[in-house]
Amino acid sequence: MNYQLLVNKEHPLSKDDMRNIVLYPIFEREQLFYLNQKVIKQYLKLKNRVWKKTGIMIALDSTYRSIEEQAKIIEEMNMEYGEVYTKQYVSKPGESEHHTGLAIDLTIYDHGHYLTNNYELESAISKFKEIYPFLGYYGFILRYPKGMEHITKIPFEIWHIRYVGRKASKHLKKKQQVLEQYKKKL
């Protein structure tokens, strides 16, 4: 698996890439999610370390999505947040990293429940900022960081992390770059 696979508007997922995706189940919060096997292993380590060091309980909110699921999410987001918001934040089918099994939308347990919508998640920015320093140890990056919207073409998403491998995550952190910049250099 190419852990640095770039998927976005300019680089939609190819049929060859889709055939190479192997997913494994992970059961959390009474839901079944699917991810790459290495991503599951690293996520569980990240979750454990974040809990031990900060007392913050992270959990999966969204992982792998099929093309059909992505289309359905667009419909739901249009109804809940409106078309302008949805076009900014939700990738079209085939252009989402969630098709790879390498991307995770996190949620946080706060005030007796897991945060369920973007407004609640955005209000927990201080807790998410406590999580970010741990990402690189396990090969994850904050995929759409603040200030990089002109490169990623996606607004800052505090909840969206992506597995790229430890070497790539260390490089990106050191250079303060995003995956698009890393891929240009390869």
C-alpha atoms as a PDB file:
ATOM      1  CA  MET A   1       0.000   0.000   0.000  1.00  0.00           C
ATOM      2  CA  ASN A   2       1.235   3.461  -0.885  1.00  0.00           C
ATOM      3  CA  TYR A   3       0.740   5.292   2.407  1.00  0.00           C
ATOM      4  CA  GLN A   4       1.502   8.638   0.764  1.00  0.00           C
ATOM      5  CA  LEU A   5      -1.199   8.163  -1.880  1.00  0.00           C
ATOM      6  CA  LEU A   6      -2.514  11.612  -2.791  1.00  0.00           C
ATOM      7  CA  VAL A   7      -6.268  11.791  -3.289  1.00  0.00           C
ATOM      8  CA  ASN A   8      -7.967  15.144  -3.901  1.00  0.00           C
ATOM      9  CA  LYS A   9      -9.782  17.143  -6.586  1.00  0.00           C
ATOM     10  CA  GLU A  10      -6.753  17.136  -8.878  1.00  0.00           C
ATOM     11  CA  HIS A  11      -5.865  13.504  -8.086  1.00  0.00           C
ATOM     12  CA  PRO A  12      -9.029  11.392  -7.900  1.00  0.00           C
ATOM     13  CA  LEU A  13      -8.613   7.788  -6.831  1.00  0.00           C
ATOM     14  CA  SER A  14      -7.922   5.550  -9.817  1.00  0.00           C
ATOM     15  CA  LYS A  15      -9.566   2.178 -10.359  1.00  0.00           C
ATOM     16  CA  ASP A  16      -6.141   0.536  -9.963  1.00  0.00           C
ATOM     17  CA  ASP A  17      -5.669   2.229  -6.601  1.00  0.00           C
ATOM     18  CA  MET A  18      -9.145   1.146  -5.533  1.00  0.00           C
ATOM     19  CA  ARG A  19      -8.369  -2.490  -6.408  1.00  0.00           C
ATOM     20  CA  ASN A  20      -5.262  -2.379  -4.193  1.00  0.00           C
ATOM     21  CA  ILE A  21      -7.110  -1.247  -1.070  1.00  0.00           C
ATOM     22  CA  VAL A  22      -7.407  -3.942   1.581  1.00  0.00           C
ATOM     23  CA  LEU A  23      -9.593  -3.122   4.553  1.00  0.00           C
ATOM     24  CA  TYR A  24     -10.016  -4.656   7.987  1.00  0.00           C
ATOM     25  CA  PRO A  25     -12.834  -4.146  10.475  1.00  0.00           C
ATOM     26  CA  ILE A  26     -12.524  -2.319  13.767  1.00  0.00           C
ATOM     27  CA  PHE A  27     -15.449  -2.163  16.170  1.00  0.00           C
ATOM     28  CA  GLU A  28     -15.707   0.968  18.278  1.00  0.00           C
ATOM     29  CA  ARG A  29     -18.551   2.928  19.879  1.00  0.00           C
ATOM     30  CA  GLU A  30     -20.954   0.128  18.865  1.00  0.00           C
ATOM     31  CA  GLN A  31     -20.160   0.740  15.203  1.00  0.00           C
ATOM     32  CA  LEU A  32     -18.185  -1.156  12.597  1.00  0.00           C
ATOM     33  CA  PHE A  33     -15.485   0.839  10.815  1.00  0.00           C
ATOM     34  CA  TYR A  34     -12.984  -0.220   8.141  1.00  0.00           C
ATOM     35  CA  LEU A  35      -9.344   0.807   7.779  1.00  0.00           C
ATOM     36  CA  ASN A  36      -6.028  -0.408   6.467  1.00  0.00           C
ATOM     37  CA  GLN A  37      -4.603  -2.984   8.912  1.00  0.00           C
ATOM     38  CA  LYS A  38      -1.502  -0.915   9.756  1.00  0.00           C
ATOM     39  CA  VAL A  39      -3.663   2.159  10.305  1.00  0.00           C
ATOM     40  CA  ILE A  40      -5.773   0.262  12.841  1.00  0.00           C
ATOM     41  CA  LYS A  41      -2.676  -0.820  14.747  1.00  0.00           C
ATOM     42  CA  GLN A  42      -1.214   2.704  14.808  1.00  0.00           C
ATOM     43  CA  TYR A  43      -4.558   4.324  15.650  1.00  0.00           C
ATOM     44  CA  LEU A  44      -4.987   2.087  18.701  1.00  0.00           C
ATOM     45  CA  LYS A  45      -1.498   3.017  19.900  1.00  0.00           C
ATOM     46  CA  LEU A  46      -2.265   6.716  19.336  1.00  0.00           C
ATOM     47  CA  LYS A  47      -5.559   6.439  21.195  1.00  0.00           C
ATOM     48  CA  ASN A  48      -3.900   4.756  24.165  1.00  0.00           C
ATOM     49  CA  ARG A  49      -1.075   7.292  24.380  1.00  0.00           C
ATOM     50  CA  VAL A  50      -3.378  10.303  24.058  1.00  0.00           C
ATOM     51  CA  TRP A  51      -5.533   8.908  26.891  1.00  0.00           C
ATOM     52  CA  LYS A  52      -2.539   8.220  29.145  1.00  0.00           C
ATOM     53  CA  LYS A  53      -0.854  11.586  28.534  1.00  0.00           C
ATOM     54  CA  THR A  54      -3.850  13.945  28.316  1.00  0.00           C
ATOM     55  CA  GLY A  55      -6.926  12.154  29.652  1.00  0.00           C
ATOM     56  CA  ILE A  56      -8.675  12.866  26.335  1.00  0.00           C
ATOM     57  CA  MET A  57     -10.694   9.975  24.941  1.00  0.00           C
ATOM     58  CA  ILE A  58     -10.544   9.981  21.143  1.00  0.00           C
ATOM     59  CA  ALA A  59     -12.623   7.696  18.959  1.00  0.00           C
ATOM     60  CA  LEU A  60     -13.394   6.994  15.335  1.00  0.00           C
ATOM     61  CA  ASP A  61     -16.148   9.069  13.809  1.00  0.00           C
ATOM     62  CA  SER A  62     -15.607   8.256  10.133  1.00  0.00           C
ATOM     63  CA  THR A  63     -13.136   6.034   8.288  1.00  0.00           C
ATOM     64  CA  TYR A  64     -13.439   4.209   4.962  1.00  0.00           C
ATOM     65  CA  ARG A  65     -16.296   5.303   2.733  1.00  0.00           C
ATOM     66  CA  SER A  66     -17.455   3.785  -0.515  1.00  0.00           C
ATOM     67  CA  ILE A  67     -18.245   5.999  -3.495  1.00  0.00           C
ATOM     68  CA  GLU A  68     -21.951   5.540  -2.713  1.00  0.00           C
ATOM     69  CA  GLU A  69     -21.502   6.481   0.947  1.00  0.00           C
ATOM     70  CA  GLN A  70     -19.631   9.632  -0.061  1.00  0.00           C
ATOM     71  CA  ALA A  71     -22.501  10.662  -2.332  1.00  0.00           C
ATOM     72  CA  LYS A  72     -24.977  10.072   0.503  1.00  0.00           C
ATOM     73  CA  ILE A  73     -22.882  12.183   2.899  1.00  0.00           C
ATOM     74  CA  ILE A  74     -22.975  15.053   0.422  1.00  0.00           C
ATOM     75  CA  GLU A  75     -26.779  14.869   0.368  1.00  0.00           C
ATOM     76  CA  GLU A  76     -26.980  14.763   4.178  1.00  0.00           C
ATOM     77  CA  MET A  77     -24.493  17.619   4.630  1.00  0.00           C
ATOM     78  CA  ASN A  78     -26.374  19.749   2.101  1.00  0.00           C
ATOM     79  CA  MET A  79     -29.525  19.341   4.171  1.00  0.00           C
ATOM     80  CA  GLU A  80     -27.821  19.956   7.550  1.00  0.00           C
ATOM     81  CA  TYR A  81     -25.234  22.640   6.720  1.00  0.00           C
ATOM     82  CA  GLY A  82     -26.195  23.953   3.273  1.00  0.00           C
ATOM     83  CA  GLU A  83     -24.656  23.660  -0.167  1.00  0.00           C
ATOM     84  CA  VAL A  84     -21.937  26.313   0.301  1.00  0.00           C
ATOM     85  CA  TYR A  85     -20.578  24.677   3.468  1.00  0.00           C
ATOM     86  CA  THR A  86     -20.786  21.197   1.933  1.00  0.00           C
ATOM     87  CA  LYS A  87     -18.881  22.206  -1.207  1.00  0.00           C
ATOM     88  CA  GLN A  88     -16.105  23.597   1.010  1.00  0.00           C
ATOM     89  CA  TYR A  89     -15.778  20.637   3.360  1.00  0.00           C
ATOM     90  CA  VAL A  90     -16.963  17.491   1.603  1.00  0.00           C
ATOM     91  CA  SER A  91     -15.053  15.946  -1.287  1.00  0.00           C
ATOM     92  CA  LYS A  92     -16.884  14.559  -4.284  1.00  0.00           C
ATOM     93  CA  PRO A  93     -17.066  10.788  -4.725  1.00  0.00           C
ATOM     94  CA  GLY A  94     -13.684   9.538  -5.966  1.00  0.00           C
ATOM     95  CA  GLU A  95     -11.879  12.593  -4.556  1.00  0.00           C
ATOM     96  CA  SER A  96     -12.059  11.704  -0.860  1.00  0.00           C
ATOM     97  CA  GLU A  97      -9.208  10.272   1.178  1.00  0.00           C
ATOM     98  CA  HIS A  98     -11.839   8.263   3.014  1.00  0.00           C
ATOM     99  CA  HIS A  99     -11.936   5.906   0.007  1.00  0.00           C
ATOM    100  CA  THR A 100      -8.379   4.749   0.840  1.00  0.00           C
ATOM    101  CA  GLY A 101      -8.768   3.331   4.342  1.00  0.00           C
ATOM    102  CA  LEU A 102      -5.956   5.682   5.445  1.00  0.00           C
ATOM    103  CA  ALA A 103      -8.049   8.631   6.673  1.00  0.00           C
ATOM    104  CA  ILE A 104      -9.818   9.037   9.988  1.00  0.00           C
ATOM    105  CA  ASP A 105     -12.241  11.652  11.215  1.00  0.00           C
ATOM    106  CA  LEU A 106     -11.829  11.707  14.987  1.00  0.00           C
ATOM    107  CA  THR A 107     -14.335  12.531  17.651  1.00  0.00           C
ATOM    108  CA  ILE A 108     -13.736  13.314  21.310  1.00  0.00           C
ATOM    109  CA  TYR A 109     -15.628  12.233  24.399  1.00  0.00           C
ATOM    110  CA  ASP A 110     -16.604  15.488  26.092  1.00  0.00           C
ATOM    111  CA  HIS A 111     -19.219  16.389  28.699  1.00  0.00           C
ATOM    112  CA  GLY A 112     -20.653  12.884  28.826  1.00  0.00           C
ATOM    113  CA  HIS A 113     -20.928  12.143  25.112  1.00  0.00           C
ATOM    114  CA  TYR A 114     -18.975  11.856  21.873  1.00  0.00           C
ATOM    115  CA  LEU A 115     -19.131  15.050  19.837  1.00  0.00           C
ATOM    116  CA  THR A 116     -21.418  14.404  16.890  1.00  0.00           C
ATOM    117  CA  ASN A 117     -21.446  17.351  14.535  1.00  0.00           C
ATOM    118  CA  ASN A 118     -18.925  19.748  13.054  1.00  0.00           C
ATOM    119  CA  TYR A 119     -19.993  22.644  15.256  1.00  0.00           C
ATOM    120  CA  GLU A 120     -19.440  20.602  18.420  1.00  0.00           C
ATOM    121  CA  LEU A 121     -16.103  19.342  17.094  1.00  0.00           C
ATOM    122  CA  GLU A 122     -14.948  22.853  16.190  1.00  0.00           C
ATOM    123  CA  SER A 123     -15.804  24.047  19.707  1.00  0.00           C
ATOM    124  CA  ALA A 124     -13.326  21.468  21.062  1.00  0.00           C
ATOM    125  CA  ILE A 125     -10.314  22.922  19.209  1.00  0.00           C
ATOM    126  CA  SER A 126      -8.252  23.207  22.410  1.00  0.00           C
ATOM    127  CA  LYS A 127      -8.597  19.458  23.033  1.00  0.00           C
ATOM    128  CA  PHE A 128      -7.718  18.611  19.444  1.00  0.00           C
ATOM    129  CA  LYS A 129      -4.599  20.772  19.748  1.00  0.00           C
ATOM    130  CA  GLU A 130      -3.515  18.571  22.669  1.00  0.00           C
ATOM    131  CA  ILE A 131      -3.759  15.508  20.393  1.00  0.00           C
ATOM    132  CA  TYR A 132      -1.748  16.862  17.448  1.00  0.00           C
ATOM    133  CA  PRO A 133       1.730  16.517  19.026  1.00  0.00           C
ATOM    134  CA  PHE A 134       1.214  12.737  19.280  1.00  0.00           C
ATOM    135  CA  LEU A 135       0.201  12.144  15.651  1.00  0.00           C
ATOM    136  CA  GLY A 136       3.677  11.860  14.129  1.00  0.00           C
ATOM    137  CA  TYR A 137       4.834   9.173  16.562  1.00  0.00           C
ATOM    138  CA  TYR A 138       2.324   6.841  14.959  1.00  0.00           C
ATOM    139  CA  GLY A 139       2.651   7.967  11.326  1.00  0.00           C
ATOM    140  CA  PHE A 140      -0.353  10.329  11.246  1.00  0.00           C
ATOM    141  CA  ILE A 141      -0.649  13.942  10.132  1.00  0.00           C
ATOM    142  CA  LEU A 142      -3.318  16.571  10.524  1.00  0.00           C
ATOM    143  CA  ARG A 143      -4.301  16.464   6.871  1.00  0.00           C
ATOM    144  CA  TYR A 144      -5.903  19.887   6.432  1.00  0.00           C
ATOM    145  CA  PRO A 145      -4.082  22.283   8.781  1.00  0.00           C
ATOM    146  CA  LYS A 146      -4.910  25.936   9.271  1.00  0.00           C
ATOM    147  CA  GLY A 147      -2.997  28.205   6.903  1.00  0.00           C
ATOM    148  CA  MET A 148      -2.546  25.561   4.192  1.00  0.00           C
ATOM    149  CA  GLU A 149      -5.964  25.887   2.570  1.00  0.00           C
ATOM    150  CA  HIS A 150      -4.401  27.509  -0.516  1.00  0.00           C
ATOM    151  CA  ILE A 151      -2.458  24.272  -1.110  1.00  0.00           C
ATOM    152  CA  THR A 152      -4.882  21.558   0.050  1.00  0.00           C
ATOM    153  CA  LYS A 153      -7.962  23.356  -1.334  1.00  0.00           C
ATOM    154  CA  ILE A 154      -9.803  22.126   1.776  1.00  0.00           C
ATOM    155  CA  PRO A 155     -10.576  24.355   4.781  1.00  0.00           C
ATOM    156  CA  PHE A 156      -8.993  23.594   8.146  1.00  0.00           C
ATOM    157  CA  GLU A 157     -10.517  20.386   9.524  1.00  0.00           C
ATOM    158  CA  ILE A 158      -9.506  19.839  13.120  1.00  0.00           C
ATOM    159  CA  TRP A 159     -10.800  16.255  13.139  1.00  0.00           C
ATOM    160  CA  HIS A 160      -9.338  14.798   9.904  1.00  0.00           C
ATOM    161  CA  ILE A 161      -6.102  12.856  10.324  1.00  0.00           C
ATOM    162  CA  ARG A 162      -4.330  10.740   7.763  1.00  0.00           C
ATOM    163  CA  TYR A 163      -1.843   7.894   7.996  1.00  0.00           C
ATOM    164  CA  VAL A 164       1.247   8.519   5.839  1.00  0.00           C
ATOM    165  CA  GLY A 165       3.888   6.495   7.744  1.00  0.00           C
ATOM    166  CA  ARG A 166       6.391   7.661  10.363  1.00  0.00           C
ATOM    167  CA  LYS A 167       9.094   8.811   7.950  1.00  0.00           C
ATOM    168  CA  ALA A 168       6.721  10.960   5.897  1.00  0.00           C
ATOM    169  CA  SER A 169       4.942  12.338   8.972  1.00  0.00           C
ATOM    170  CA  LYS A 170       8.259  13.381  10.550  1.00  0.00           C
ATOM    171  CA  HIS A 171       9.368  15.048   7.310  1.00  0.00           C
ATOM    172  CA  LEU A 172       6.078  16.919   6.918  1.00  0.00           C
ATOM    173  CA  LYS A 173       6.154  18.134  10.519  1.00  0.00           C
ATOM    174  CA  LYS A 174       9.784  19.238  10.311  1.00  0.00           C
ATOM    175  CA  LYS A 175       9.228  21.122   7.039  1.00  0.00           C
ATOM    176  CA  GLN A 176       5.739  22.358   8.078  1.00  0.00           C
ATOM    177  CA  GLN A 177       4.319  21.000   4.845  1.00  0.00           C
ATOM    178  CA  VAL A 178       1.230  19.170   3.676  1.00  0.00           C
ATOM    179  CA  LEU A 179       1.014  15.983   1.613  1.00  0.00           C
ATOM    180  CA  GLU A 180       0.651  17.888  -1.674  1.00  0.00           C
ATOM    181  CA  GLN A 181       4.059  19.495  -1.126  1.00  0.00           C
ATOM    182  CA  TYR A 182       5.654  16.199  -0.114  1.00  0.00           C
ATOM    183  CA  LYS A 183       4.346  14.447  -3.229  1.00  0.00           C
ATOM    184  CA  LYS A 184       5.708  17.198  -5.516  1.00  0.00           C
ATOM    185  CA  LYS A 185       9.230  16.467  -4.238  1.00  0.00           C
ATOM    186  CA  LEU A 186       9.027  12.712  -4.874  1.00  0.00           C
END
